Amino acid sequence: MGELSDRTPDKELDVLGRVCPYPLVLTKKSLEKMESGQVLKVLSDAPASAEDSLPKWAEKGGHKFESVKTGEQWEIYIEKA
């Protein structure tokens, strides 16, 4: 595991079964309500979200990002900048 996935997330968001743009929109809304330095764990089974839109959005916003694939889904960890 990595730096973020070893931490206990401050909040968890389940977007399983949702396709773009919903995982990104819901992740943005959740992270807006969090404090800097807190970690959001997102559960997603949408490859486009987990491998493209969420990492690009997190990088653009300066947030730390880590993705762990578990079978057919991803555990995505985002630390708010």
Protein backbone atom coordinates (compact mmCIF):
# COMPACT_ATOMS: atom_id res chain seq x y z
CA MET A 1 0.00 0.00 0.00
CA GLY A 2 1.00 3.61 -0.16
CA GLU A 3 1.15 6.74 1.89
CA LEU A 4 -2.53 7.73 1.62
CA SER A 5 -4.06 4.24 1.60
CA ASP A 6 -2.28 3.45 4.87
CA ARG A 7 -4.13 6.29 6.59
CA THR A 8 -7.64 6.09 8.01
CA PRO A 9 -9.83 8.18 5.70
CA ASP A 10 -11.75 11.08 7.23
CA LYS A 11 -14.68 10.42 4.90
CA GLU A 12 -15.74 7.68 2.48
CA LEU A 13 -17.72 8.14 -0.73
CA ASP A 14 -19.31 5.19 -2.55
CA VAL A 15 -19.88 5.87 -6.25
CA LEU A 16 -20.05 2.21 -7.30
CA GLY A 17 -22.37 1.78 -10.29
CA ARG A 18 -22.09 5.45 -11.26
CA VAL A 19 -20.51 6.53 -14.54
CA CYS A 20 -18.92 9.82 -15.62
CA PRO A 21 -19.48 12.56 -14.74
CA TYR A 22 -21.13 11.54 -11.44
CA PRO A 23 -18.05 10.14 -9.63
CA LEU A 24 -16.13 13.36 -10.34
CA VAL A 25 -19.04 15.66 -9.45
CA LEU A 26 -19.77 13.82 -6.18
CA THR A 27 -16.06 13.68 -5.28
CA LYS A 28 -15.72 17.45 -5.81
CA LYS A 29 -18.76 18.14 -3.61
CA SER A 30 -17.48 15.87 -0.84
CA LEU A 31 -13.96 17.32 -0.89
CA GLU A 32 -15.31 20.90 -0.78
CA LYS A 33 -16.79 20.15 2.66
CA MET A 34 -13.51 18.78 4.02
CA GLU A 35 -10.55 20.54 5.64
CA SER A 36 -7.09 20.77 4.11
CA GLY A 37 -5.05 17.65 4.92
CA GLN A 38 -8.08 15.39 5.33
CA VAL A 39 -8.34 12.21 3.25
CA LEU A 40 -11.37 11.17 1.20
CA LYS A 41 -11.71 7.53 0.17
CA VAL A 42 -13.75 7.01 -3.01
CA LEU A 43 -15.01 3.58 -4.05
CA SER A 44 -15.49 3.42 -7.83
CA ASP A 45 -15.98 0.79 -10.51
CA ALA A 46 -15.83 3.24 -13.43
CA PRO A 47 -12.46 2.89 -15.20
CA ALA A 48 -12.73 6.31 -16.89
CA SER A 49 -13.21 8.00 -13.52
CA ALA A 50 -10.57 6.04 -11.61
CA GLU A 51 -7.87 6.16 -14.28
CA ASP A 52 -8.53 9.47 -16.03
CA SER A 53 -10.89 12.15 -14.75
CA LEU A 54 -10.28 11.86 -10.98
CA PRO A 55 -6.44 11.71 -11.15
CA LYS A 56 -6.31 14.61 -13.62
CA TRP A 57 -8.70 16.71 -11.53
CA ALA A 58 -6.78 15.96 -8.30
CA GLU A 59 -3.44 16.85 -9.90
CA LYS A 60 -4.82 20.09 -11.32
CA GLY A 61 -6.16 21.05 -7.88
CA GLY A 62 -2.89 20.19 -6.12
CA HIS A 63 -4.45 17.33 -4.14
CA LYS A 64 -2.47 14.20 -3.32
CA PHE A 65 -3.93 11.17 -5.10
CA GLU A 66 -3.54 7.42 -4.78
CA SER A 67 -5.50 4.69 -6.51
CA VAL A 68 -5.59 1.03 -5.45
CA LYS A 69 -7.30 -1.45 -7.77
CA THR A 70 -9.06 -4.30 -5.98
CA GLY A 71 -10.59 -6.70 -8.47
CA GLU A 72 -13.07 -4.81 -10.64
CA GLN A 73 -13.14 -1.68 -8.51
CA TRP A 74 -10.81 1.01 -7.23
CA GLU A 75 -10.19 2.51 -3.83
CA ILE A 76 -9.19 6.09 -4.53
CA TYR A 77 -7.58 8.21 -1.82
CA ILE A 78 -7.45 11.98 -2.17
CA GLU A 79 -5.83 14.26 0.39
CA LYS A 80 -7.26 17.75 0.17
CA ALA A 81 -4.69 20.42 -0.60
